[in-house]
Amino acid sequence: MNSASKPPKSPESEGKPESVTLLDTIKSVSASFFGVQSSKNRERDFTKGKPIHFIIIGVVMTVLFILAVWTAVKVALHSAGM
């Protein structure tokens, strides 16, 4: 037996697809905002991710982005004396 080979998988992990974590979902949605998602991550998202998770995170991140822009405009207008 080759000593560099991987240990066998446990019976619990066999047959269960690895799910997409919250951090993976946030990273994927962030990458999609800029259009730079890798094909490996896209494939993982489509095969193992749940669409509702991506929708919820996308809506939350969109609202946060809008609030950040709104706040920046308010601060800029206030500092300009308007």
C-alpha atoms as a PDB file:
ATOM      1  CA  MET A   1       0.000   0.000   0.000  1.00  0.00           C
ATOM      2  CA  ASN A   2       1.270   3.446  -0.872  1.00  0.00           C
ATOM      3  CA  SER A   3       1.926   5.536   2.255  1.00  0.00           C
ATOM      4  CA  ALA A   4       1.071   8.748   0.379  1.00  0.00           C
ATOM      5  CA  SER A   5      -2.443   7.574  -0.469  1.00  0.00           C
ATOM      6  CA  LYS A   6      -5.424   9.201   1.176  1.00  0.00           C
ATOM      7  CA  PRO A   7      -7.096   7.452   4.092  1.00  0.00           C
ATOM      8  CA  PRO A   8     -10.403   5.792   3.252  1.00  0.00           C
ATOM      9  CA  LYS A   9     -13.542   7.864   3.671  1.00  0.00           C
ATOM     10  CA  SER A  10     -15.739   7.192   6.643  1.00  0.00           C
ATOM     11  CA  PRO A  11     -19.072   5.482   5.948  1.00  0.00           C
ATOM     12  CA  GLU A  12     -20.957   8.590   7.082  1.00  0.00           C
ATOM     13  CA  SER A  13     -19.319  10.810   4.457  1.00  0.00           C
ATOM     14  CA  GLU A  14     -19.859   8.386   1.577  1.00  0.00           C
ATOM     15  CA  GLY A  15     -23.011   9.054  -0.412  1.00  0.00           C
ATOM     16  CA  LYS A  16     -23.566  12.500   1.096  1.00  0.00           C
ATOM     17  CA  PRO A  17     -22.645  15.358  -1.208  1.00  0.00           C
ATOM     18  CA  GLU A  18     -20.580  18.089   0.390  1.00  0.00           C
ATOM     19  CA  SER A  19     -22.871  21.073   0.929  1.00  0.00           C
ATOM     20  CA  VAL A  20     -22.027  24.684   0.200  1.00  0.00           C
ATOM     21  CA  THR A  21     -21.225  26.598   3.402  1.00  0.00           C
ATOM     22  CA  LEU A  22     -22.465  30.088   4.272  1.00  0.00           C
ATOM     23  CA  LEU A  23     -19.005  31.518   3.612  1.00  0.00           C
ATOM     24  CA  ASP A  24     -18.897  29.783   0.209  1.00  0.00           C
ATOM     25  CA  THR A  25     -22.291  31.279  -0.624  1.00  0.00           C
ATOM     26  CA  ILE A  26     -21.202  34.783   0.384  1.00  0.00           C
ATOM     27  CA  LYS A  27     -18.007  34.433  -1.677  1.00  0.00           C
ATOM     28  CA  SER A  28     -19.965  33.224  -4.701  1.00  0.00           C
ATOM     29  CA  VAL A  29     -22.489  36.056  -4.504  1.00  0.00           C
ATOM     30  CA  SER A  30     -19.678  38.597  -4.046  1.00  0.00           C
ATOM     31  CA  ALA A  31     -17.865  37.202  -7.069  1.00  0.00           C
ATOM     32  CA  SER A  32     -21.071  37.374  -9.096  1.00  0.00           C
ATOM     33  CA  PHE A  33     -21.409  41.097  -8.272  1.00  0.00           C
ATOM     34  CA  PHE A  34     -18.163  41.615 -10.197  1.00  0.00           C
ATOM     35  CA  GLY A  35     -18.655  38.823 -12.752  1.00  0.00           C
ATOM     36  CA  VAL A  36     -15.496  36.937 -11.818  1.00  0.00           C
ATOM     37  CA  GLN A  37     -16.842  33.571 -10.623  1.00  0.00           C
ATOM     38  CA  SER A  38     -14.576  30.628 -11.469  1.00  0.00           C
ATOM     39  CA  SER A  39     -16.076  27.733 -13.403  1.00  0.00           C
ATOM     40  CA  LYS A  40     -15.147  25.319 -10.595  1.00  0.00           C
ATOM     41  CA  ASN A  41     -17.067  27.340  -8.002  1.00  0.00           C
ATOM     42  CA  ARG A  42     -19.988  27.880 -10.384  1.00  0.00           C
ATOM     43  CA  GLU A  43     -20.221  24.137 -10.967  1.00  0.00           C
ATOM     44  CA  ARG A  44     -20.108  23.504  -7.197  1.00  0.00           C
ATOM     45  CA  ASP A  45     -22.831  26.085  -6.600  1.00  0.00           C
ATOM     46  CA  PHE A  46     -25.150  24.629  -9.235  1.00  0.00           C
ATOM     47  CA  THR A  47     -24.670  21.026  -8.148  1.00  0.00           C
ATOM     48  CA  LYS A  48     -24.510  21.333  -4.351  1.00  0.00           C
ATOM     49  CA  GLY A  49     -26.001  24.713  -3.449  1.00  0.00           C
ATOM     50  CA  LYS A  50     -29.616  25.611  -2.702  1.00  0.00           C
ATOM     51  CA  PRO A  51     -31.009  28.438  -4.842  1.00  0.00           C
ATOM     52  CA  ILE A  52     -32.895  30.061  -1.955  1.00  0.00           C
ATOM     53  CA  HIS A  53     -29.620  30.566  -0.059  1.00  0.00           C
ATOM     54  CA  PHE A  54     -28.098  32.430  -3.005  1.00  0.00           C
ATOM     55  CA  ILE A  55     -31.256  34.502  -3.480  1.00  0.00           C
ATOM     56  CA  ILE A  56     -31.428  35.549   0.178  1.00  0.00           C
ATOM     57  CA  ILE A  57     -27.709  36.410   0.377  1.00  0.00           C
ATOM     58  CA  GLY A  58     -27.940  38.278  -2.950  1.00  0.00           C
ATOM     59  CA  VAL A  59     -30.886  40.389  -1.771  1.00  0.00           C
ATOM     60  CA  VAL A  60     -29.193  41.167   1.563  1.00  0.00           C
ATOM     61  CA  MET A  61     -25.925  42.136  -0.131  1.00  0.00           C
ATOM     62  CA  THR A  62     -27.791  44.312  -2.654  1.00  0.00           C
ATOM     63  CA  VAL A  63     -29.609  46.163   0.135  1.00  0.00           C
ATOM     64  CA  LEU A  64     -26.301  46.640   1.994  1.00  0.00           C
ATOM     65  CA  PHE A  65     -24.687  48.008  -1.177  1.00  0.00           C
ATOM     66  CA  ILE A  66     -27.559  50.458  -1.742  1.00  0.00           C
ATOM     67  CA  LEU A  67     -27.367  51.611   1.890  1.00  0.00           C
ATOM     68  CA  ALA A  68     -23.597  52.098   1.594  1.00  0.00           C
ATOM     69  CA  VAL A  69     -23.973  54.227  -1.548  1.00  0.00           C
ATOM     70  CA  TRP A  70     -26.821  56.228   0.031  1.00  0.00           C
ATOM     71  CA  THR A  71     -24.723  56.833   3.159  1.00  0.00           C
ATOM     72  CA  ALA A  72     -21.711  57.913   1.084  1.00  0.00           C
ATOM     73  CA  VAL A  73     -23.865  60.412  -0.838  1.00  0.00           C
ATOM     74  CA  LYS A  74     -25.351  61.773   2.406  1.00  0.00           C
ATOM     75  CA  VAL A  75     -21.883  62.230   3.930  1.00  0.00           C
ATOM     76  CA  ALA A  76     -20.562  63.886   0.762  1.00  0.00           C
ATOM     77  CA  LEU A  77     -23.513  66.286   0.591  1.00  0.00           C
ATOM     78  CA  HIS A  78     -23.244  67.090   4.272  1.00  0.00           C
ATOM     79  CA  SER A  79     -19.519  67.833   4.026  1.00  0.00           C
ATOM     80  CA  ALA A  80     -20.194  70.042   0.984  1.00  0.00           C
ATOM     81  CA  GLY A  81     -22.617  72.088   3.086  1.00  0.00           C
ATOM     82  CA  MET A  82     -25.801  71.096   1.298  1.00  0.00           C
END
